[in-house]
Amino acid sequence: MSESPRYAGRAVVALATDPTRERWNRRSVTSARLAAEYGCSDLDGSRPDVWRYNQAVEDGDQDTNPEDFR
């Protein structure tokens, strides 16, 4: 599972142009979190959440399906 660089870039552009972006100060967020907030998507129209997927795999979820995290 992966996301394209453009996905992260779209999220960063949305953040940079947000007049209330200071609400994100001192926070660490994923591309998926920003994409959900700003309505961004990856090149294929999906919104991959790589970190949530990795956590599920690390937690040993045997039924983890990458498509459930797009």
C-alpha atoms as a PDB file:
ATOM      1  CA  MET A   1       0.000   0.000   0.000  1.00  0.00           C
ATOM      2  CA  SER A   2       1.287   3.441  -0.813  1.00  0.00           C
ATOM      3  CA  GLU A   3       0.293   6.958  -1.695  1.00  0.00           C
ATOM      4  CA  SER A   4       1.664   9.103  -4.477  1.00  0.00           C
ATOM      5  CA  PRO A   5       3.808  12.169  -3.776  1.00  0.00           C
ATOM      6  CA  ARG A   6       1.052  14.208  -5.379  1.00  0.00           C
ATOM      7  CA  TYR A   7      -1.376  13.084  -2.642  1.00  0.00           C
ATOM      8  CA  ALA A   8       0.848  14.530   0.067  1.00  0.00           C
ATOM      9  CA  GLY A   9       1.490  17.587  -2.094  1.00  0.00           C
ATOM     10  CA  ARG A  10      -2.202  18.297  -2.527  1.00  0.00           C
ATOM     11  CA  ALA A  11      -2.674  18.087   1.225  1.00  0.00           C
ATOM     12  CA  VAL A  12       0.238  20.468   1.841  1.00  0.00           C
ATOM     13  CA  VAL A  13      -1.083  22.987  -0.705  1.00  0.00           C
ATOM     14  CA  ALA A  14      -4.513  22.870   0.925  1.00  0.00           C
ATOM     15  CA  LEU A  15      -2.923  23.430   4.319  1.00  0.00           C
ATOM     16  CA  ALA A  16      -0.734  26.282   3.065  1.00  0.00           C
ATOM     17  CA  THR A  17      -3.700  28.118   1.559  1.00  0.00           C
ATOM     18  CA  ASP A  18      -5.982  27.635   4.569  1.00  0.00           C
ATOM     19  CA  PRO A  19      -6.483  31.002   6.295  1.00  0.00           C
ATOM     20  CA  THR A  20      -7.010  29.140   9.585  1.00  0.00           C
ATOM     21  CA  ARG A  21      -3.949  26.893   9.216  1.00  0.00           C
ATOM     22  CA  GLU A  22      -2.623  27.948  12.609  1.00  0.00           C
ATOM     23  CA  ARG A  23      -5.028  25.414  14.135  1.00  0.00           C
ATOM     24  CA  TRP A  24      -2.557  22.765  12.952  1.00  0.00           C
ATOM     25  CA  ASN A  25       0.399  24.367  14.744  1.00  0.00           C
ATOM     26  CA  ARG A  26       2.451  22.029  16.934  1.00  0.00           C
ATOM     27  CA  ARG A  27       0.650  18.960  15.608  1.00  0.00           C
ATOM     28  CA  SER A  28       1.884  16.055  13.584  1.00  0.00           C
ATOM     29  CA  VAL A  29      -0.678  14.751  11.114  1.00  0.00           C
ATOM     30  CA  THR A  30      -0.734  12.300   8.233  1.00  0.00           C
ATOM     31  CA  SER A  31      -1.523  13.005   4.611  1.00  0.00           C
ATOM     32  CA  ALA A  32      -4.716  11.021   5.096  1.00  0.00           C
ATOM     33  CA  ARG A  33      -5.834  13.265   7.963  1.00  0.00           C
ATOM     34  CA  LEU A  34      -5.223  16.422   5.942  1.00  0.00           C
ATOM     35  CA  ALA A  35      -6.878  14.906   2.869  1.00  0.00           C
ATOM     36  CA  ALA A  36      -9.969  14.063   4.893  1.00  0.00           C
ATOM     37  CA  GLU A  37     -10.083  17.593   6.288  1.00  0.00           C
ATOM     38  CA  TYR A  38      -9.554  19.366   2.970  1.00  0.00           C
ATOM     39  CA  GLY A  39     -11.179  16.924   0.550  1.00  0.00           C
ATOM     40  CA  CYS A  40      -7.995  15.979  -1.320  1.00  0.00           C
ATOM     41  CA  SER A  41      -7.556  12.687  -3.124  1.00  0.00           C
ATOM     42  CA  ASP A  42      -4.761  10.710  -4.718  1.00  0.00           C
ATOM     43  CA  LEU A  43      -4.306  10.420  -8.484  1.00  0.00           C
ATOM     44  CA  ASP A  44      -6.731   7.493  -8.681  1.00  0.00           C
ATOM     45  CA  GLY A  45      -9.376   9.301  -6.612  1.00  0.00           C
ATOM     46  CA  SER A  46      -8.696   7.318  -3.440  1.00  0.00           C
ATOM     47  CA  ARG A  47      -7.653   8.579  -0.017  1.00  0.00           C
ATOM     48  CA  PRO A  48      -5.103   6.035   1.183  1.00  0.00           C
ATOM     49  CA  ASP A  49      -4.384   5.865   4.897  1.00  0.00           C
ATOM     50  CA  VAL A  50      -1.022   4.128   4.904  1.00  0.00           C
ATOM     51  CA  TRP A  51      -0.337   4.705   8.599  1.00  0.00           C
ATOM     52  CA  ARG A  52      -3.649   3.209   9.711  1.00  0.00           C
ATOM     53  CA  TYR A  53      -3.025   0.222   7.426  1.00  0.00           C
ATOM     54  CA  ASN A  54       0.490  -0.269   8.816  1.00  0.00           C
ATOM     55  CA  GLN A  55      -0.877  -0.143  12.357  1.00  0.00           C
ATOM     56  CA  ALA A  56      -3.454  -2.831  11.572  1.00  0.00           C
ATOM     57  CA  VAL A  57      -0.751  -5.082  10.119  1.00  0.00           C
ATOM     58  CA  GLU A  58       1.556  -4.427  13.057  1.00  0.00           C
ATOM     59  CA  ASP A  59      -1.272  -5.246  15.470  1.00  0.00           C
ATOM     60  CA  GLY A  60      -1.537  -8.648  13.803  1.00  0.00           C
ATOM     61  CA  ASP A  61      -4.906  -8.211  12.116  1.00  0.00           C
ATOM     62  CA  GLN A  62      -4.874 -11.279   9.859  1.00  0.00           C
ATOM     63  CA  ASP A  63      -7.796 -10.021   7.788  1.00  0.00           C
ATOM     64  CA  THR A  64      -6.178  -6.704   6.869  1.00  0.00           C
ATOM     65  CA  ASN A  65      -7.095  -5.812   3.308  1.00  0.00           C
ATOM     66  CA  PRO A  66      -5.275  -2.833   1.767  1.00  0.00           C
ATOM     67  CA  GLU A  67      -8.421  -1.854  -0.129  1.00  0.00           C
ATOM     68  CA  ASP A  68     -10.133  -1.153   3.203  1.00  0.00           C
ATOM     69  CA  PHE A  69      -7.666   1.688   3.760  1.00  0.00           C
ATOM     70  CA  ARG A  70      -8.174   3.551   0.462  1.00  0.00           C
END
